[in-house]
């Protein structure tokens, strides 16, 4: 989260993905003046994992600079579905603690080809 580039929203997000191999991959959000070119921390972490050969994601933890839990956006949820193992867990970190959810709870009808 500390590495996030968020000069427009000041909403810094960090994510850590646990791959099926047991390795952990981190990511942060990177904003751009052309807002559509920005990318969320969750996708950065997932794409980093995939670029390192990881094909299955067991869990993801997400924290942000507000100290409140923040759910992943729809695009991130769909990307998670592409690489998720059954029962993938999503942990939302806040100043009050950690909320645990499953991807199926957050994206009950994922798009599939």
PDB file of N, CA and C in Angstrom:
ATOM      1  N   UNK A   1       0.825  -1.191   0.000  1.00  0.00           N
ATOM      2  CA  UNK A   1       0.000   0.000   0.000  1.00  0.00           C
ATOM      3  C   UNK A   1       0.873   1.260   0.000  1.00  0.00           C
ATOM      4  N   UNK A   2       1.969   1.202   0.717  1.00  0.00           N
ATOM      5  CA  UNK A   2       2.844   2.371   0.796  1.00  0.00           C
ATOM      6  C   UNK A   2       3.466   2.717  -0.559  1.00  0.00           C
ATOM      7  N   UNK A   3       3.574   1.751  -1.443  1.00  0.00           N
ATOM      8  CA  UNK A   3       4.164   1.999  -2.767  1.00  0.00           C
ATOM      9  C   UNK A   3       3.152   2.508  -3.784  1.00  0.00           C
ATOM     10  N   UNK A   4       1.881   2.579  -3.411  1.00  0.00           N
ATOM     11  CA  UNK A   4       0.829   2.982  -4.347  1.00  0.00           C
ATOM     12  C   UNK A   4       1.111   4.353  -4.952  1.00  0.00           C
ATOM     13  N   UNK A   5       0.715   4.498  -6.203  1.00  0.00           N
ATOM     14  CA  UNK A   5       0.788   5.784  -6.899  1.00  0.00           C
ATOM     15  C   UNK A   5      -0.653   6.262  -7.039  1.00  0.00           C
ATOM     16  N   UNK A   6      -1.088   7.097  -6.092  1.00  0.00           N
ATOM     17  CA  UNK A   6      -2.487   7.542  -6.054  1.00  0.00           C
ATOM     18  C   UNK A   6      -2.588   9.050  -5.865  1.00  0.00           C
ATOM     19  N   UNK A   7      -1.971   9.839  -6.762  1.00  0.00           N
ATOM     20  CA  UNK A   7      -1.974  11.291  -6.596  1.00  0.00           C
ATOM     21  C   UNK A   7      -3.327  11.952  -6.866  1.00  0.00           C
ATOM     22  N   UNK A   8      -4.257  11.236  -7.503  1.00  0.00           N
ATOM     23  CA  UNK A   8      -5.540  11.830  -7.864  1.00  0.00           C
ATOM     24  C   UNK A   8      -6.615  11.535  -6.821  1.00  0.00           C
ATOM     25  N   UNK A   9      -6.679  10.304  -6.352  1.00  0.00           N
ATOM     26  CA  UNK A   9      -7.696   9.932  -5.373  1.00  0.00           C
ATOM     27  C   UNK A   9      -7.180   9.949  -3.934  1.00  0.00           C
ATOM     28  N   UNK A  10      -5.872   9.842  -3.783  1.00  0.00           N
ATOM     29  CA  UNK A  10      -5.259   9.681  -2.457  1.00  0.00           C
ATOM     30  C   UNK A  10      -5.800   8.447  -1.745  1.00  0.00           C
ATOM     31  N   UNK A  11      -6.289   7.482  -2.485  1.00  0.00           N
ATOM     32  CA  UNK A  11      -6.823   6.232  -1.957  1.00  0.00           C
ATOM     33  C   UNK A  11      -5.813   5.139  -2.287  1.00  0.00           C
ATOM     34  N   UNK A  12      -4.908   4.882  -1.353  1.00  0.00           N
ATOM     35  CA  UNK A  12      -3.853   3.899  -1.562  1.00  0.00           C
ATOM     36  C   UNK A  12      -4.350   2.512  -1.158  1.00  0.00           C
ATOM     37  N   UNK A  13      -4.070   1.542  -2.014  1.00  0.00           N
ATOM     38  CA  UNK A  13      -4.507   0.167  -1.776  1.00  0.00           C
ATOM     39  C   UNK A  13      -3.321  -0.770  -1.968  1.00  0.00           C
ATOM     40  N   UNK A  14      -3.256  -1.761  -1.113  1.00  0.00           N
ATOM     41  CA  UNK A  14      -2.256  -2.816  -1.238  1.00  0.00           C
ATOM     42  C   UNK A  14      -2.953  -4.160  -1.215  1.00  0.00           C
ATOM     43  N   UNK A  15      -2.399  -5.117  -1.939  1.00  0.00           N
ATOM     44  CA  UNK A  15      -2.974  -6.460  -1.972  1.00  0.00           C
ATOM     45  C   UNK A  15      -1.848  -7.476  -1.940  1.00  0.00           C
ATOM     46  N   UNK A  16      -2.142  -8.617  -1.333  1.00  0.00           N
ATOM     47  CA  UNK A  16      -1.211  -9.742  -1.323  1.00  0.00           C
ATOM     48  C   UNK A  16      -1.988 -10.992  -1.715  1.00  0.00           C
ATOM     49  N   UNK A  17      -1.473 -11.700  -2.699  1.00  0.00           N
ATOM     50  CA  UNK A  17      -2.110 -12.895  -3.243  1.00  0.00           C
ATOM     51  C   UNK A  17      -1.318 -14.118  -2.795  1.00  0.00           C
ATOM     52  N   UNK A  18      -2.044 -15.143  -2.343  1.00  0.00           N
ATOM     53  CA  UNK A  18      -1.427 -16.425  -2.004  1.00  0.00           C
ATOM     54  C   UNK A  18      -1.692 -17.391  -3.133  1.00  0.00           C
ATOM     55  N   UNK A  19      -0.621 -17.812  -3.790  1.00  0.00           N
ATOM     56  CA  UNK A  19      -0.757 -18.770  -4.875  1.00  0.00           C
ATOM     57  C   UNK A  19      -0.818 -20.197  -4.355  1.00  0.00           C
ATOM     58  N   UNK A  20      -1.272 -21.102  -5.196  1.00  0.00           N
ATOM     59  CA  UNK A  20      -1.359 -22.514  -4.814  1.00  0.00           C
ATOM     60  C   UNK A  20       0.018 -23.084  -4.487  1.00  0.00           C
ATOM     61  N   UNK A  21       1.059 -22.470  -5.013  1.00  0.00           N
ATOM     62  CA  UNK A  21       2.429 -22.927  -4.736  1.00  0.00           C
ATOM     63  C   UNK A  21       2.884 -22.561  -3.326  1.00  0.00           C
ATOM     64  N   UNK A  22       2.115 -21.681  -2.661  1.00  0.00           N
ATOM     65  CA  UNK A  22       2.507 -21.192  -1.338  1.00  0.00           C
ATOM     66  C   UNK A  22       3.232 -19.856  -1.394  1.00  0.00           C
ATOM     67  N   UNK A  23       3.569 -19.403  -2.590  1.00  0.00           N
ATOM     68  CA  UNK A  23       4.240 -18.111  -2.739  1.00  0.00           C
ATOM     69  C   UNK A  23       3.236 -16.970  -2.599  1.00  0.00           C
ATOM     70  N   UNK A  24       3.733 -15.830  -2.128  1.00  0.00           N
ATOM     71  CA  UNK A  24       2.909 -14.627  -1.959  1.00  0.00           C
ATOM     72  C   UNK A  24       3.402 -13.560  -2.928  1.00  0.00           C
ATOM     73  N   UNK A  25       2.448 -12.884  -3.569  1.00  0.00           N
ATOM     74  CA  UNK A  25       2.748 -11.826  -4.532  1.00  0.00           C
ATOM     75  C   UNK A  25       2.014 -10.572  -4.092  1.00  0.00           C
ATOM     76  N   UNK A  26       2.719  -9.463  -4.051  1.00  0.00           N
ATOM     77  CA  UNK A  26       2.086  -8.216  -3.591  1.00  0.00           C
ATOM     78  C   UNK A  26       1.847  -7.270  -4.762  1.00  0.00           C
ATOM     79  N   UNK A  27       0.946  -6.326  -4.527  1.00  0.00           N
ATOM     80  CA  UNK A  27       0.654  -5.320  -5.542  1.00  0.00           C
ATOM     81  C   UNK A  27       0.070  -4.081  -4.897  1.00  0.00           C
ATOM     82  N   UNK A  28       0.101  -2.990  -5.624  1.00  0.00           N
ATOM     83  CA  UNK A  28      -0.493  -1.732  -5.162  1.00  0.00           C
ATOM     84  C   UNK A  28      -1.211  -1.081  -6.347  1.00  0.00           C
ATOM     85  N   UNK A  29      -2.132  -0.167  -6.038  1.00  0.00           N
ATOM     86  CA  UNK A  29      -2.818   0.520  -7.128  1.00  0.00           C
ATOM     87  C   UNK A  29      -1.883   1.539  -7.765  1.00  0.00           C
ATOM     88  N   UNK A  30      -2.060   1.716  -9.060  1.00  0.00           N
ATOM     89  CA  UNK A  30      -1.262   2.673  -9.830  1.00  0.00           C
ATOM     90  C   UNK A  30      -2.233   3.501 -10.662  1.00  0.00           C
ATOM     91  N   UNK A  31      -2.396   4.762 -10.264  1.00  0.00           N
ATOM     92  CA  UNK A  31      -3.301   5.663 -10.979  1.00  0.00           C
ATOM     93  C   UNK A  31      -2.584   6.341 -12.133  1.00  0.00           C
ATOM     94  N   UNK A  32      -3.383   6.865 -13.060  1.00  0.00           N
ATOM     95  CA  UNK A  32      -2.876   7.578 -14.217  1.00  0.00           C
ATOM     96  C   UNK A  32      -3.779   8.780 -14.452  1.00  0.00           C
ATOM     97  N   UNK A  33      -3.224   9.860 -14.989  1.00  0.00           N
ATOM     98  CA  UNK A  33      -4.016  11.045 -15.277  1.00  0.00           C
ATOM     99  C   UNK A  33      -5.188  10.714 -16.205  1.00  0.00           C
ATOM    100  N   UNK A  34      -5.003   9.732 -17.071  1.00  0.00           N
ATOM    101  CA  UNK A  34      -6.097   9.202 -17.881  1.00  0.00           C
ATOM    102  C   UNK A  34      -6.696   8.062 -17.063  1.00  0.00           C
ATOM    103  N   UNK A  35      -7.737   8.378 -16.288  1.00  0.00           N
ATOM    104  CA  UNK A  35      -8.249   7.464 -15.257  1.00  0.00           C
ATOM    105  C   UNK A  35      -8.463   6.032 -15.728  1.00  0.00           C
ATOM    106  N   UNK A  36      -8.894   5.834 -16.940  1.00  0.00           N
ATOM    107  CA  UNK A  36      -9.142   4.491 -17.451  1.00  0.00           C
ATOM    108  C   UNK A  36      -7.895   3.627 -17.527  1.00  0.00           C
ATOM    109  N   UNK A  37      -6.739   4.252 -17.474  1.00  0.00           N
ATOM    110  CA  UNK A  37      -5.480   3.505 -17.536  1.00  0.00           C
ATOM    111  C   UNK A  37      -4.956   3.126 -16.159  1.00  0.00           C
ATOM    112  N   UNK A  38      -5.656   3.512 -15.119  1.00  0.00           N
ATOM    113  CA  UNK A  38      -5.276   3.133 -13.754  1.00  0.00           C
ATOM    114  C   UNK A  38      -5.530   1.648 -13.555  1.00  0.00           C
ATOM    115  N   UNK A  39      -4.847   1.056 -12.575  1.00  0.00           N
ATOM    116  CA  UNK A  39      -5.050  -0.366 -12.283  1.00  0.00           C
ATOM    117  C   UNK A  39      -5.084  -0.574 -10.780  1.00  0.00           C
ATOM    118  N   UNK A  40      -5.949  -1.458 -10.359  1.00  0.00           N
ATOM    119  CA  UNK A  40      -6.141  -1.748  -8.940  1.00  0.00           C
ATOM    120  C   UNK A  40      -5.035  -2.646  -8.399  1.00  0.00           C
ATOM    121  N   UNK A  41      -4.811  -2.556  -7.100  1.00  0.00           N
ATOM    122  CA  UNK A  41      -3.799  -3.368  -6.424  1.00  0.00           C
ATOM    123  C   UNK A  41      -4.054  -4.858  -6.587  1.00  0.00           C
ATOM    124  N   UNK A  42      -5.321  -5.246  -6.550  1.00  0.00           N
ATOM    125  CA  UNK A  42      -5.662  -6.661  -6.656  1.00  0.00           C
ATOM    126  C   UNK A  42      -5.202  -7.243  -7.986  1.00  0.00           C
ATOM    127  N   UNK A  43      -5.473  -6.515  -9.072  1.00  0.00           N
ATOM    128  CA  UNK A  43      -5.063  -7.007 -10.387  1.00  0.00           C
ATOM    129  C   UNK A  43      -3.551  -6.976 -10.553  1.00  0.00           C
ATOM    130  N   UNK A  44      -2.893  -5.965  -9.991  1.00  0.00           N
ATOM    131  CA  UNK A  44      -1.424  -5.935 -10.060  1.00  0.00           C
ATOM    132  C   UNK A  44      -0.856  -7.191  -9.400  1.00  0.00           C
ATOM    133  N   UNK A  45      -1.338  -7.524  -8.203  1.00  0.00           N
ATOM    134  CA  UNK A  45      -0.840  -8.700  -7.483  1.00  0.00           C
ATOM    135  C   UNK A  45      -1.129  -9.986  -8.252  1.00  0.00           C
ATOM    136  N   UNK A  46      -2.349 -10.097  -8.795  1.00  0.00           N
ATOM    137  CA  UNK A  46      -2.709 -11.301  -9.550  1.00  0.00           C
ATOM    138  C   UNK A  46      -1.867 -11.409 -10.817  1.00  0.00           C
ATOM    139  N   UNK A  47      -1.730 -10.319 -11.555  1.00  0.00           N
ATOM    140  CA  UNK A  47      -0.950 -10.358 -12.792  1.00  0.00           C
ATOM    141  C   UNK A  47       0.522 -10.631 -12.511  1.00  0.00           C
ATOM    142  N   UNK A  48       1.023 -10.121 -11.386  1.00  0.00           N
ATOM    143  CA  UNK A  48       2.398 -10.412 -10.991  1.00  0.00           C
ATOM    144  C   UNK A  48       2.544 -11.918 -10.747  1.00  0.00           C
ATOM    145  N   UNK A  49       1.575 -12.506 -10.053  1.00  0.00           N
ATOM    146  CA  UNK A  49       1.607 -13.945  -9.787  1.00  0.00           C
ATOM    147  C   UNK A  49       1.584 -14.741 -11.097  1.00  0.00           C
ATOM    148  N   UNK A  50       0.682 -14.376 -11.980  1.00  0.00           N
ATOM    149  CA  UNK A  50       0.563 -15.086 -13.252  1.00  0.00           C
ATOM    150  C   UNK A  50       1.841 -14.929 -14.071  1.00  0.00           C
ATOM    151  N   UNK A  51       2.423 -13.733 -14.062  1.00  0.00           N
ATOM    152  CA  UNK A  51       3.656 -13.515 -14.834  1.00  0.00           C
ATOM    153  C   UNK A  51       4.833 -14.312 -14.282  1.00  0.00           C
ATOM    154  N   UNK A  52       4.706 -14.771 -13.042  1.00  0.00           N
ATOM    155  CA  UNK A  52       5.738 -15.601 -12.423  1.00  0.00           C
ATOM    156  C   UNK A  52       5.400 -17.089 -12.529  1.00  0.00           C
ATOM    157  N   UNK A  53       4.330 -17.423 -13.264  1.00  0.00           N
ATOM    158  CA  UNK A  53       3.986 -18.815 -13.513  1.00  0.00           C
ATOM    159  C   UNK A  53       2.889 -19.383 -12.638  1.00  0.00           C
ATOM    160  N   UNK A  54       2.356 -18.588 -11.727  1.00  0.00           N
ATOM    161  CA  UNK A  54       1.276 -19.049 -10.840  1.00  0.00           C
ATOM    162  C   UNK A  54      -0.020 -19.071 -11.636  1.00  0.00           C
ATOM    163  N   UNK A  55      -0.753 -20.156 -11.550  1.00  0.00           N
ATOM    164  CA  UNK A  55      -2.013 -20.269 -12.290  1.00  0.00           C
ATOM    165  C   UNK A  55      -3.234 -20.404 -11.394  1.00  0.00           C
ATOM    166  N   UNK A  56      -3.021 -20.635 -10.096  1.00  0.00           N
ATOM    167  CA  UNK A  56      -4.141 -20.784  -9.175  1.00  0.00           C
ATOM    168  C   UNK A  56      -3.925 -19.905  -7.950  1.00  0.00           C
ATOM    169  N   UNK A  57      -4.955 -19.139  -7.616  1.00  0.00           N
ATOM    170  CA  UNK A  57      -4.909 -18.233  -6.470  1.00  0.00           C
ATOM    171  C   UNK A  57      -5.797 -18.793  -5.370  1.00  0.00           C
ATOM    172  N   UNK A  58      -5.225 -18.962  -4.186  1.00  0.00           N
ATOM    173  CA  UNK A  58      -5.982 -19.499  -3.052  1.00  0.00           C
ATOM    174  C   UNK A  58      -6.648 -18.409  -2.235  1.00  0.00           C
ATOM    175  N   UNK A  59      -5.968 -17.256  -2.096  1.00  0.00           N
ATOM    176  CA  UNK A  59      -6.501 -16.196  -1.228  1.00  0.00           C
ATOM    177  C   UNK A  59      -5.885 -14.864  -1.625  1.00  0.00           C
ATOM    178  N   UNK A  60      -6.573 -13.795  -1.204  1.00  0.00           N
ATOM    179  CA  UNK A  60      -6.051 -12.450  -1.394  1.00  0.00           C
ATOM    180  C   UNK A  60      -6.407 -11.624  -0.165  1.00  0.00           C
ATOM    181  N   UNK A  61      -5.464 -10.806   0.268  1.00  0.00           N
ATOM    182  CA  UNK A  61      -5.696  -9.866   1.368  1.00  0.00           C
ATOM    183  C   UNK A  61      -5.599  -8.463   0.786  1.00  0.00           C
ATOM    184  N   UNK A  62      -6.515  -7.589   1.218  1.00  0.00           N
ATOM    185  CA  UNK A  62      -6.601  -6.232   0.664  1.00  0.00           C
ATOM    186  C   UNK A  62      -6.670  -5.230   1.805  1.00  0.00           C
ATOM    187  N   UNK A  63      -5.813  -4.213   1.741  1.00  0.00           N
ATOM    188  CA  UNK A  63      -5.815  -3.127   2.734  1.00  0.00           C
ATOM    189  C   UNK A  63      -5.792  -1.805   1.996  1.00  0.00           C
ATOM    190  N   UNK A  64      -6.286  -0.752   2.664  1.00  0.00           N
ATOM    191  CA  UNK A  64      -6.268   0.564   2.033  1.00  0.00           C
ATOM    192  C   UNK A  64      -5.976   1.640   3.056  1.00  0.00           C
ATOM    193  N   UNK A  65      -5.717   2.837   2.559  1.00  0.00           N
ATOM    194  CA  UNK A  65      -5.260   3.945   3.401  1.00  0.00           C
ATOM    195  C   UNK A  65      -6.339   4.560   4.272  1.00  0.00           C
ATOM    196  N   UNK A  66      -7.593   4.169   4.116  1.00  0.00           N
ATOM    197  CA  UNK A  66      -8.655   4.743   4.963  1.00  0.00           C
ATOM    198  C   UNK A  66      -8.769   4.028   6.301  1.00  0.00           C
ATOM    199  N   UNK A  67      -8.226   2.813   6.374  1.00  0.00           N
ATOM    200  CA  UNK A  67      -8.365   2.025   7.592  1.00  0.00           C
ATOM    201  C   UNK A  67      -9.697   1.309   7.692  1.00  0.00           C
ATOM    202  N   UNK A  68     -10.550   1.480   6.670  1.00  0.00           N
ATOM    203  CA  UNK A  68     -11.857   0.818   6.631  1.00  0.00           C
ATOM    204  C   UNK A  68     -11.807  -0.296   5.586  1.00  0.00           C
ATOM    205  N   UNK A  69     -12.617  -1.337   5.763  1.00  0.00           N
ATOM    206  CA  UNK A  69     -12.609  -2.389   4.740  1.00  0.00           C
ATOM    207  C   UNK A  69     -13.136  -1.851   3.409  1.00  0.00           C
ATOM    208  N   UNK A  70     -12.529  -2.282   2.320  1.00  0.00           N
ATOM    209  CA  UNK A  70     -12.978  -1.889   0.983  1.00  0.00           C
ATOM    210  C   UNK A  70     -13.017  -3.127   0.110  1.00  0.00           C
ATOM    211  N   UNK A  71     -14.187  -3.406  -0.429  1.00  0.00           N
ATOM    212  CA  UNK A  71     -14.359  -4.574  -1.283  1.00  0.00           C
ATOM    213  C   UNK A  71     -13.695  -4.341  -2.636  1.00  0.00           C
ATOM    214  N   UNK A  72     -13.223  -5.404  -3.286  1.00  0.00           N
ATOM    215  CA  UNK A  72     -12.646  -5.253  -4.622  1.00  0.00           C
ATOM    216  C   UNK A  72     -13.718  -4.863  -5.636  1.00  0.00           C
ATOM    217  N   UNK A  73     -13.312  -4.130  -6.653  1.00  0.00           N
ATOM    218  CA  UNK A  73     -14.246  -3.707  -7.695  1.00  0.00           C
ATOM    219  C   UNK A  73     -14.669  -4.913  -8.539  1.00  0.00           C
ATOM    220  N   UNK A  74     -15.650  -4.712  -9.379  1.00  0.00           N
ATOM    221  CA  UNK A  74     -16.159  -5.788 -10.220  1.00  0.00           C
ATOM    222  C   UNK A  74     -15.120  -6.350 -11.177  1.00  0.00           C
ATOM    223  N   UNK A  75     -14.298  -5.479 -11.758  1.00  0.00           N
ATOM    224  CA  UNK A  75     -13.257  -5.954 -12.679  1.00  0.00           C
ATOM    225  C   UNK A  75     -12.278  -6.871 -11.955  1.00  0.00           C
ATOM    226  N   UNK A  76     -11.897  -6.490 -10.747  1.00  0.00           N
ATOM    227  CA  UNK A  76     -10.969  -7.318  -9.971  1.00  0.00           C
ATOM    228  C   UNK A  76     -11.604  -8.646  -9.592  1.00  0.00           C
ATOM    229  N   UNK A  77     -12.878  -8.618  -9.236  1.00  0.00           N
ATOM    230  CA  UNK A  77     -13.578  -9.863  -8.897  1.00  0.00           C
ATOM    231  C   UNK A  77     -13.592 -10.818 -10.087  1.00  0.00           C
ATOM    232  N   UNK A  78     -13.835 -10.290 -11.279  1.00  0.00           N
ATOM    233  CA  UNK A  78     -13.869 -11.130 -12.468  1.00  0.00           C
ATOM    234  C   UNK A  78     -12.484 -11.697 -12.769  1.00  0.00           C
ATOM    235  N   UNK A  79     -11.432 -10.892 -12.602  1.00  0.00           N
ATOM    236  CA  UNK A  79     -10.067 -11.388 -12.813  1.00  0.00           C
ATOM    237  C   UNK A  79      -9.750 -12.465 -11.774  1.00  0.00           C
ATOM    238  N   UNK A  80     -10.175 -12.261 -10.529  1.00  0.00           N
ATOM    239  CA  UNK A  80      -9.979 -13.286  -9.502  1.00  0.00           C
ATOM    240  C   UNK A  80     -10.612 -14.602  -9.941  1.00  0.00           C
ATOM    241  N   UNK A  81     -11.815 -14.526 -10.510  1.00  0.00           N
ATOM    242  CA  UNK A  81     -12.535 -15.734 -10.926  1.00  0.00           C
ATOM    243  C   UNK A  81     -11.766 -16.520 -11.980  1.00  0.00           C
ATOM    244  N   UNK A  82     -10.995 -15.843 -12.790  1.00  0.00           N
ATOM    245  CA  UNK A  82     -10.211 -16.503 -13.839  1.00  0.00           C
ATOM    246  C   UNK A  82      -9.157 -17.444 -13.249  1.00  0.00           C
ATOM    247  N   UNK A  83      -8.599 -17.077 -12.085  1.00  0.00           N
ATOM    248  CA  UNK A  83      -7.479 -17.818 -11.511  1.00  0.00           C
ATOM    249  C   UNK A  83      -7.775 -18.440 -10.147  1.00  0.00           C
ATOM    250  N   UNK A  84      -8.983 -18.288  -9.655  1.00  0.00           N
ATOM    251  CA  UNK A  84      -9.321 -18.737  -8.306  1.00  0.00           C
ATOM    252  C   UNK A  84      -9.446 -20.253  -8.203  1.00  0.00           C
ATOM    253  N   UNK A  85      -8.981 -20.793  -7.080  1.00  0.00           N
ATOM    254  CA  UNK A  85      -9.299 -22.176  -6.732  1.00  0.00           C
ATOM    255  C   UNK A  85     -10.690 -22.164  -6.107  1.00  0.00           C
ATOM    256  N   UNK A  86     -11.354 -23.287  -6.086  1.00  0.00           N
ATOM    257  CA  UNK A  86     -12.666 -23.354  -5.433  1.00  0.00           C
ATOM    258  C   UNK A  86     -12.539 -22.916  -3.983  1.00  0.00           C
ATOM    259  N   UNK A  87     -13.439 -22.045  -3.558  1.00  0.00           N
ATOM    260  CA  UNK A  87     -13.424 -21.572  -2.185  1.00  0.00           C
ATOM    261  C   UNK A  87     -12.410 -20.473  -1.914  1.00  0.00           C
ATOM    262  N   UNK A  88     -11.902 -19.830  -2.972  1.00  0.00           N
ATOM    263  CA  UNK A  88     -10.921 -18.762  -2.778  1.00  0.00           C
ATOM    264  C   UNK A  88     -11.408 -17.776  -1.722  1.00  0.00           C
ATOM    265  N   UNK A  89     -10.497 -17.412  -0.816  1.00  0.00           N
ATOM    266  CA  UNK A  89     -10.842 -16.516   0.283  1.00  0.00           C
ATOM    267  C   UNK A  89     -10.339 -15.103   0.013  1.00  0.00           C
ATOM    268  N   UNK A  90     -11.143 -14.129   0.423  1.00  0.00           N
ATOM    269  CA  UNK A  90     -10.805 -12.712   0.294  1.00  0.00           C
ATOM    270  C   UNK A  90     -10.828 -12.120   1.691  1.00  0.00           C
ATOM    271  N   UNK A  91      -9.706 -11.532   2.085  1.00  0.00           N
ATOM    272  CA  UNK A  91      -9.566 -10.930   3.412  1.00  0.00           C
ATOM    273  C   UNK A  91      -9.491  -9.416   3.263  1.00  0.00           C
ATOM    274  N   UNK A  92     -10.409  -8.711   3.910  1.00  0.00           N
ATOM    275  CA  UNK A  92     -10.433  -7.252   3.895  1.00  0.00           C
ATOM    276  C   UNK A  92      -9.855  -6.761   5.216  1.00  0.00           C
ATOM    277  N   UNK A  93      -8.716  -6.105   5.139  1.00  0.00           N
ATOM    278  CA  UNK A  93      -7.996  -5.658   6.327  1.00  0.00           C
ATOM    279  C   UNK A  93      -8.406  -4.229   6.657  1.00  0.00           C
ATOM    280  N   UNK A  94      -8.730  -3.984   7.931  1.00  0.00           N
ATOM    281  CA  UNK A  94      -9.093  -2.642   8.376  1.00  0.00           C
ATOM    282  C   UNK A  94      -8.503  -2.401   9.756  1.00  0.00           C
ATOM    283  N   UNK A  95      -8.693  -1.193  10.258  1.00  0.00           N
ATOM    284  CA  UNK A  95      -8.209  -0.868  11.603  1.00  0.00           C
ATOM    285  C   UNK A  95      -8.922  -1.689  12.669  1.00  0.00           C
ATOM    286  N   UNK A  96     -10.136  -2.162  12.372  1.00  0.00           N
ATOM    287  CA  UNK A  96     -10.914  -2.955  13.333  1.00  0.00           C
ATOM    288  C   UNK A  96     -10.589  -4.437  13.279  1.00  0.00           C
ATOM    289  N   UNK A  97      -9.862  -4.872  12.280  1.00  0.00           N
ATOM    290  CA  UNK A  97      -9.549  -6.290  12.147  1.00  0.00           C
ATOM    291  C   UNK A  97      -9.634  -6.745  10.710  1.00  0.00           C
ATOM    292  N   UNK A  98     -10.024  -7.997  10.528  1.00  0.00           N
ATOM    293  CA  UNK A  98     -10.051  -8.606   9.203  1.00  0.00           C
ATOM    294  C   UNK A  98     -11.418  -9.248   8.965  1.00  0.00           C
ATOM    295  N   UNK A  99     -12.015  -8.933   7.817  1.00  0.00           N
ATOM    296  CA  UNK A  99     -13.252  -9.583   7.380  1.00  0.00           C
ATOM    297  C   UNK A  99     -12.873 -10.658   6.372  1.00  0.00           C
ATOM    298  N   UNK A 100     -13.484 -11.827   6.500  1.00  0.00           N
ATOM    299  CA  UNK A 100     -13.215 -12.927   5.574  1.00  0.00           C
ATOM    300  C   UNK A 100     -14.459 -13.201   4.736  1.00  0.00           C
ATOM    301  N   UNK A 101     -14.252 -13.294   3.426  1.00  0.00           N
ATOM    302  CA  UNK A 101     -15.319 -13.612   2.484  1.00  0.00           C
ATOM    303  C   UNK A 101     -14.787 -14.630   1.494  1.00  0.00           C
ATOM    304  N   UNK A 102     -15.689 -15.254   0.758  1.00  0.00           N
ATOM    305  CA  UNK A 102     -15.261 -16.104  -0.350  1.00  0.00           C
ATOM    306  C   UNK A 102     -15.565 -15.370  -1.650  1.00  0.00           C
ATOM    307  N   UNK A 103     -14.863 -15.749  -2.692  1.00  0.00           N
ATOM    308  CA  UNK A 103     -15.128 -15.139  -3.988  1.00  0.00           C
ATOM    309  C   UNK A 103     -16.551 -15.455  -4.430  1.00  0.00           C
ATOM    310  N   UNK A 104     -17.031 -16.646  -4.131  1.00  0.00           N
ATOM    311  CA  UNK A 104     -18.406 -17.015  -4.510  1.00  0.00           C
ATOM    312  C   UNK A 104     -19.439 -16.089  -3.872  1.00  0.00           C
ATOM    313  N   UNK A 105     -19.164 -15.611  -2.660  1.00  0.00           N
ATOM    314  CA  UNK A 105     -20.071 -14.662  -2.005  1.00  0.00           C
ATOM    315  C   UNK A 105     -20.068 -13.315  -2.729  1.00  0.00           C
ATOM    316  N   UNK A 106     -18.893 -12.888  -3.170  1.00  0.00           N
ATOM    317  CA  UNK A 106     -18.752 -11.567  -3.781  1.00  0.00           C
ATOM    318  C   UNK A 106     -19.037 -11.563  -5.276  1.00  0.00           C
ATOM    319  N   UNK A 107     -18.952 -12.715  -5.905  1.00  0.00           N
ATOM    320  CA  UNK A 107     -19.200 -12.816  -7.348  1.00  0.00           C
ATOM    321  C   UNK A 107     -19.926 -14.140  -7.622  1.00  0.00           C
ATOM    322  N   UNK A 108     -21.221 -14.194  -7.289  1.00  0.00           N
ATOM    323  CA  UNK A 108     -21.938 -15.458  -7.374  1.00  0.00           C
ATOM    324  C   UNK A 108     -22.165 -15.974  -8.793  1.00  0.00           C
ATOM    325  N   UNK A 109     -22.119 -15.113  -9.777  1.00  0.00           N
ATOM    326  CA  UNK A 109     -22.389 -15.546 -11.154  1.00  0.00           C
ATOM    327  C   UNK A 109     -21.292 -15.007 -12.081  1.00  0.00           C
ATOM    328  N   UNK A 110     -20.077 -15.477 -11.875  1.00  0.00           N
ATOM    329  CA  UNK A 110     -18.952 -15.010 -12.674  1.00  0.00           C
ATOM    330  C   UNK A 110     -19.145 -15.363 -14.152  1.00  0.00           C
ATOM    331  N   UNK A 111     -18.649 -14.511 -15.025  1.00  0.00           N
ATOM    332  CA  UNK A 111     -18.688 -14.762 -16.453  1.00  0.00           C
ATOM    333  C   UNK A 111     -17.705 -15.878 -16.788  1.00  0.00           C
ATOM    334  N   UNK A 112     -18.119 -16.823 -17.583  1.00  0.00           N
ATOM    335  CA  UNK A 112     -17.261 -17.926 -18.005  1.00  0.00           C
ATOM    336  C   UNK A 112     -17.462 -18.167 -19.505  1.00  0.00           C
ATOM    337  N   UNK A 113     -16.387 -18.506 -20.190  1.00  0.00           N
ATOM    338  CA  UNK A 113     -16.472 -18.913 -21.599  1.00  0.00           C
ATOM    339  C   UNK A 113     -16.494 -20.419 -21.686  1.00  0.00           C
TER     340      UNK A 113
END
